[in-house]
């Protein structure tokens, strides 16, 4: 009976190691990234500039429960689902990219 348990345990060791590798290399980093993205979405406020998953650069003009009202240009506004916000545009990054290089 004891040797049977040892054989089963030895057969399970590769699966346990494989699960641990998948967890630490794939699952855990993805959860951390999703948490940071969710916190970024919740911290957005009026006046913040965002980039949608479609590549549109927008300015948030109103925060709603599941949507943002955004300004695409001076005369066009739209509603954007919070699920389709890719990232927030930093003002410092935007101003440094528009300055000419020397």
N, C-alpha and C. Protein backbone atom coordinates (compact mmCIF):
# COMPACT_ATOMS: atom_id res chain seq x y z
N UNK A 1 0.82 -1.19 0.00
CA UNK A 1 0.00 0.00 0.00
C UNK A 1 0.86 1.26 0.00
N UNK A 2 1.93 1.28 0.80
CA UNK A 2 2.80 2.43 0.88
C UNK A 2 3.56 2.67 -0.42
N UNK A 3 3.99 1.60 -1.07
CA UNK A 3 4.73 1.76 -2.32
C UNK A 3 3.81 2.22 -3.44
N UNK A 4 2.54 1.86 -3.38
CA UNK A 4 1.56 2.29 -4.37
C UNK A 4 1.36 3.80 -4.28
N UNK A 5 1.31 4.33 -3.06
CA UNK A 5 1.17 5.78 -2.87
C UNK A 5 2.40 6.50 -3.42
N UNK A 6 3.57 5.96 -3.19
CA UNK A 6 4.80 6.56 -3.67
C UNK A 6 4.85 6.62 -5.19
N UNK A 7 4.37 5.57 -5.84
CA UNK A 7 4.35 5.55 -7.30
C UNK A 7 3.38 6.60 -7.85
N UNK A 8 2.23 6.71 -7.21
CA UNK A 8 1.24 7.72 -7.64
C UNK A 8 1.81 9.12 -7.45
N UNK A 9 2.45 9.34 -6.30
CA UNK A 9 3.03 10.66 -6.02
C UNK A 9 4.12 11.00 -7.04
N UNK A 10 4.96 10.04 -7.36
CA UNK A 10 6.01 10.28 -8.36
C UNK A 10 5.42 10.57 -9.73
N UNK A 11 4.31 9.97 -10.05
CA UNK A 11 3.66 10.23 -11.34
C UNK A 11 3.03 11.62 -11.37
N UNK A 12 2.63 12.13 -10.22
CA UNK A 12 1.99 13.45 -10.15
C UNK A 12 2.98 14.62 -10.08
N UNK A 13 4.20 14.35 -9.69
CA UNK A 13 5.19 15.43 -9.55
C UNK A 13 5.37 16.24 -10.83
N UNK A 14 5.50 15.65 -12.00
CA UNK A 14 5.65 16.49 -13.21
C UNK A 14 4.44 17.40 -13.46
N UNK A 15 3.24 16.92 -13.16
CA UNK A 15 2.05 17.74 -13.36
C UNK A 15 2.01 18.91 -12.37
N UNK A 16 2.44 18.65 -11.14
CA UNK A 16 2.48 19.71 -10.13
C UNK A 16 3.49 20.77 -10.53
N UNK A 17 4.66 20.34 -10.98
CA UNK A 17 5.69 21.29 -11.42
C UNK A 17 5.21 22.07 -12.63
N UNK A 18 4.57 21.42 -13.58
CA UNK A 18 4.06 22.10 -14.77
C UNK A 18 3.00 23.14 -14.39
N UNK A 19 2.11 22.79 -13.48
CA UNK A 19 1.10 23.74 -13.02
C UNK A 19 1.76 24.95 -12.36
N UNK A 20 2.77 24.71 -11.52
CA UNK A 20 3.47 25.82 -10.85
C UNK A 20 4.14 26.74 -11.86
N UNK A 21 4.76 26.16 -12.88
CA UNK A 21 5.40 26.98 -13.92
C UNK A 21 4.36 27.81 -14.66
N UNK A 22 3.25 27.21 -15.06
CA UNK A 22 2.19 27.95 -15.74
C UNK A 22 1.65 29.06 -14.85
N UNK A 23 1.47 28.77 -13.57
CA UNK A 23 0.92 29.77 -12.67
C UNK A 23 1.84 30.98 -12.57
N UNK A 24 3.13 30.75 -12.32
CA UNK A 24 4.04 31.86 -12.09
C UNK A 24 4.47 32.57 -13.37
N UNK A 25 4.42 31.91 -14.52
CA UNK A 25 4.83 32.55 -15.76
C UNK A 25 3.67 33.12 -16.57
N UNK A 26 2.46 32.60 -16.40
CA UNK A 26 1.33 33.05 -17.22
C UNK A 26 0.18 33.63 -16.41
N UNK A 27 -0.34 32.86 -15.48
CA UNK A 27 -1.57 33.25 -14.80
C UNK A 27 -1.36 34.44 -13.86
N UNK A 28 -0.36 34.37 -13.01
CA UNK A 28 -0.13 35.44 -12.04
C UNK A 28 0.19 36.78 -12.70
N UNK A 29 1.10 36.86 -13.67
CA UNK A 29 1.35 38.15 -14.32
C UNK A 29 0.12 38.71 -15.03
N UNK A 30 -0.69 37.82 -15.63
CA UNK A 30 -1.89 38.29 -16.31
C UNK A 30 -2.89 38.87 -15.31
N UNK A 31 -3.04 38.25 -14.16
CA UNK A 31 -3.93 38.78 -13.12
C UNK A 31 -3.44 40.14 -12.63
N UNK A 32 -2.13 40.27 -12.44
CA UNK A 32 -1.57 41.54 -11.98
C UNK A 32 -1.80 42.63 -13.00
N UNK A 33 -1.59 42.33 -14.27
CA UNK A 33 -1.81 43.31 -15.32
C UNK A 33 -3.29 43.69 -15.41
N UNK A 34 -4.19 42.73 -15.29
CA UNK A 34 -5.62 43.01 -15.34
C UNK A 34 -6.04 43.88 -14.16
N UNK A 35 -5.46 43.65 -13.00
CA UNK A 35 -5.78 44.46 -11.82
C UNK A 35 -5.32 45.90 -12.02
N UNK A 36 -4.11 46.10 -12.54
CA UNK A 36 -3.61 47.46 -12.80
C UNK A 36 -4.48 48.17 -13.83
N UNK A 37 -4.92 47.45 -14.87
CA UNK A 37 -5.76 48.04 -15.91
C UNK A 37 -7.12 48.43 -15.33
N UNK A 38 -7.69 47.57 -14.50
CA UNK A 38 -8.97 47.86 -13.87
C UNK A 38 -8.87 49.09 -12.96
N UNK A 39 -7.77 49.20 -12.20
CA UNK A 39 -7.56 50.37 -11.34
C UNK A 39 -7.40 51.64 -12.17
N UNK A 40 -6.72 51.54 -13.32
CA UNK A 40 -6.55 52.69 -14.20
C UNK A 40 -7.90 53.14 -14.74
N UNK A 41 -8.75 52.20 -15.14
CA UNK A 41 -10.08 52.52 -15.67
C UNK A 41 -10.90 53.24 -14.59
N UNK A 42 -10.85 52.74 -13.36
CA UNK A 42 -11.63 53.33 -12.28
C UNK A 42 -11.11 54.71 -11.88
N UNK A 43 -9.84 54.99 -12.13
CA UNK A 43 -9.27 56.28 -11.73
C UNK A 43 -9.44 57.37 -12.80
N UNK A 44 -9.95 57.02 -13.98
CA UNK A 44 -10.12 58.02 -15.03
C UNK A 44 -11.18 59.03 -14.63
N UNK A 45 -10.92 60.29 -14.98
CA UNK A 45 -11.85 61.36 -14.65
C UNK A 45 -11.96 62.31 -15.84
N UNK A 46 -12.84 63.29 -15.71
CA UNK A 46 -13.06 64.26 -16.77
C UNK A 46 -11.75 64.96 -17.11
N UNK A 47 -11.46 65.07 -18.40
CA UNK A 47 -10.25 65.74 -18.86
C UNK A 47 -9.09 64.81 -19.17
N UNK A 48 -9.16 63.56 -18.72
CA UNK A 48 -8.09 62.60 -19.01
C UNK A 48 -8.14 62.20 -20.48
N UNK A 49 -6.97 62.00 -21.06
CA UNK A 49 -6.89 61.53 -22.44
C UNK A 49 -6.61 60.04 -22.43
N UNK A 50 -7.34 59.32 -23.29
CA UNK A 50 -7.22 57.87 -23.36
C UNK A 50 -7.07 57.44 -24.81
N UNK A 51 -6.63 56.22 -24.99
CA UNK A 51 -6.57 55.61 -26.31
C UNK A 51 -7.47 54.38 -26.26
N UNK A 52 -8.39 54.29 -27.23
CA UNK A 52 -9.29 53.13 -27.28
C UNK A 52 -8.58 51.96 -27.94
N UNK A 53 -9.18 50.79 -27.84
CA UNK A 53 -8.57 49.62 -28.48
C UNK A 53 -8.59 49.75 -29.99
N UNK A 54 -9.44 50.62 -30.52
CA UNK A 54 -9.47 50.88 -31.96
C UNK A 54 -8.44 51.89 -32.40
N UNK A 55 -7.74 52.50 -31.44
CA UNK A 55 -6.68 53.45 -31.77
C UNK A 55 -7.09 54.90 -31.73
N UNK A 56 -8.32 55.20 -31.33
CA UNK A 56 -8.77 56.58 -31.25
C UNK A 56 -8.22 57.23 -29.98
N UNK A 57 -7.68 58.43 -30.12
CA UNK A 57 -7.25 59.21 -28.97
C UNK A 57 -8.42 60.11 -28.59
N UNK A 58 -8.91 59.97 -27.37
CA UNK A 58 -10.12 60.67 -26.93
C UNK A 58 -9.85 61.38 -25.62
N UNK A 59 -10.71 62.36 -25.33
CA UNK A 59 -10.69 63.03 -24.04
C UNK A 59 -11.99 62.69 -23.31
N UNK A 60 -11.88 62.27 -22.07
CA UNK A 60 -13.05 61.91 -21.28
C UNK A 60 -13.79 63.19 -20.90
N UNK A 61 -15.09 63.25 -21.21
CA UNK A 61 -15.88 64.42 -20.82
C UNK A 61 -16.93 64.08 -19.77
N UNK A 62 -17.25 62.78 -19.61
CA UNK A 62 -18.20 62.37 -18.58
C UNK A 62 -17.97 60.89 -18.27
N UNK A 63 -17.96 60.58 -16.97
CA UNK A 63 -17.78 59.20 -16.52
C UNK A 63 -19.15 58.66 -16.13
N UNK A 64 -19.53 57.53 -16.71
CA UNK A 64 -20.80 56.87 -16.39
C UNK A 64 -20.49 55.49 -15.80
N UNK A 65 -21.52 54.70 -15.53
CA UNK A 65 -21.30 53.39 -14.90
C UNK A 65 -20.46 52.46 -15.76
N UNK A 66 -20.88 52.23 -16.99
CA UNK A 66 -20.16 51.29 -17.86
C UNK A 66 -19.62 51.96 -19.11
N UNK A 67 -19.85 53.26 -19.25
CA UNK A 67 -19.41 53.99 -20.44
C UNK A 67 -18.69 55.27 -20.04
N UNK A 68 -17.92 55.79 -20.99
CA UNK A 68 -17.37 57.13 -20.91
C UNK A 68 -17.97 57.92 -22.05
N UNK A 69 -18.32 59.17 -21.81
CA UNK A 69 -18.61 60.08 -22.91
C UNK A 69 -17.28 60.71 -23.25
N UNK A 70 -16.89 60.63 -24.51
CA UNK A 70 -15.57 61.10 -24.92
C UNK A 70 -15.68 62.09 -26.06
N UNK A 71 -14.69 62.95 -26.15
CA UNK A 71 -14.59 63.91 -27.25
C UNK A 71 -13.49 63.42 -28.17
N UNK A 72 -13.86 63.18 -29.43
CA UNK A 72 -12.89 62.73 -30.42
C UNK A 72 -12.18 63.91 -31.07
N UNK A 73 -12.93 64.98 -31.32
CA UNK A 73 -12.38 66.22 -31.85
C UNK A 73 -13.24 67.35 -31.32
N UNK A 74 -13.02 68.57 -31.81
CA UNK A 74 -13.76 69.71 -31.28
C UNK A 74 -15.26 69.58 -31.47
N UNK A 75 -15.69 68.94 -32.53
CA UNK A 75 -17.12 68.89 -32.82
C UNK A 75 -17.72 67.49 -32.83
N UNK A 76 -17.02 66.49 -32.34
CA UNK A 76 -17.60 65.15 -32.31
C UNK A 76 -17.38 64.49 -30.95
N UNK A 77 -18.47 63.94 -30.43
CA UNK A 77 -18.41 63.21 -29.17
C UNK A 77 -19.00 61.82 -29.40
N UNK A 78 -18.68 60.92 -28.50
CA UNK A 78 -19.19 59.55 -28.60
C UNK A 78 -19.22 58.94 -27.21
N UNK A 79 -19.88 57.81 -27.11
CA UNK A 79 -19.85 57.03 -25.87
C UNK A 79 -18.96 55.82 -26.12
N UNK A 80 -18.08 55.57 -25.18
CA UNK A 80 -17.11 54.48 -25.29
C UNK A 80 -17.27 53.56 -24.09
N UNK A 81 -17.41 52.28 -24.35
CA UNK A 81 -17.51 51.30 -23.27
C UNK A 81 -16.19 51.24 -22.51
N UNK A 82 -16.27 51.08 -21.21
CA UNK A 82 -15.06 50.99 -20.39
C UNK A 82 -14.22 49.78 -20.77
N UNK A 83 -14.85 48.78 -21.39
CA UNK A 83 -14.12 47.57 -21.81
C UNK A 83 -13.17 47.85 -22.97
N UNK A 84 -13.36 48.97 -23.67
CA UNK A 84 -12.57 49.24 -24.86
C UNK A 84 -11.55 50.36 -24.67
N UNK A 85 -11.19 50.63 -23.42
CA UNK A 85 -10.13 51.60 -23.13
C UNK A 85 -8.83 50.83 -23.07
N UNK A 86 -7.89 51.23 -23.91
CA UNK A 86 -6.61 50.53 -23.94
C UNK A 86 -5.66 51.06 -22.87
N UNK A 87 -5.41 52.38 -22.89
CA UNK A 87 -4.53 52.97 -21.89
C UNK A 87 -4.77 54.47 -21.79
N UNK A 88 -4.24 55.05 -20.72
CA UNK A 88 -4.33 56.48 -20.48
C UNK A 88 -3.09 57.14 -21.05
N UNK A 89 -3.29 58.28 -21.71
CA UNK A 89 -2.17 59.02 -22.29
C UNK A 89 -1.64 59.96 -21.22
N UNK A 90 -0.35 59.85 -20.92
CA UNK A 90 0.27 60.77 -19.97
C UNK A 90 0.56 62.08 -20.66
N UNK A 91 0.31 63.19 -19.96
CA UNK A 91 0.57 64.51 -20.53
C UNK A 91 2.06 64.71 -20.79
N UNK A 92 2.91 64.20 -19.91
CA UNK A 92 4.35 64.36 -20.10
C UNK A 92 4.84 63.59 -21.32
N UNK A 93 4.31 62.40 -21.54
CA UNK A 93 4.71 61.59 -22.69
C UNK A 93 4.22 62.22 -23.98
N UNK A 94 3.01 62.79 -23.93
CA UNK A 94 2.45 63.41 -25.13
C UNK A 94 3.23 64.67 -25.51
N UNK A 95 3.59 65.50 -24.53
CA UNK A 95 4.30 66.73 -24.84
C UNK A 95 5.72 66.46 -25.31
N UNK A 96 6.36 65.42 -24.78
CA UNK A 96 7.72 65.12 -25.21
C UNK A 96 7.74 64.54 -26.62
N UNK A 97 6.67 63.86 -27.03
CA UNK A 97 6.64 63.28 -28.37
C UNK A 97 6.33 64.32 -29.43
N UNK A 98 5.71 65.45 -29.04
CA UNK A 98 5.38 66.48 -30.03
C UNK A 98 6.50 67.50 -30.19
N UNK A 99 7.47 67.51 -29.30
CA UNK A 99 8.57 68.45 -29.43
C UNK A 99 9.55 67.94 -30.48
N UNK A 100 10.07 68.85 -31.31
CA UNK A 100 11.02 68.42 -32.34
C UNK A 100 12.32 67.92 -31.73
N UNK A 101 12.92 66.95 -32.39
CA UNK A 101 14.20 66.40 -31.94
C UNK A 101 15.33 67.29 -32.43
N UNK A 102 16.37 67.38 -31.62
CA UNK A 102 17.52 68.22 -31.97
C UNK A 102 18.61 67.40 -32.60
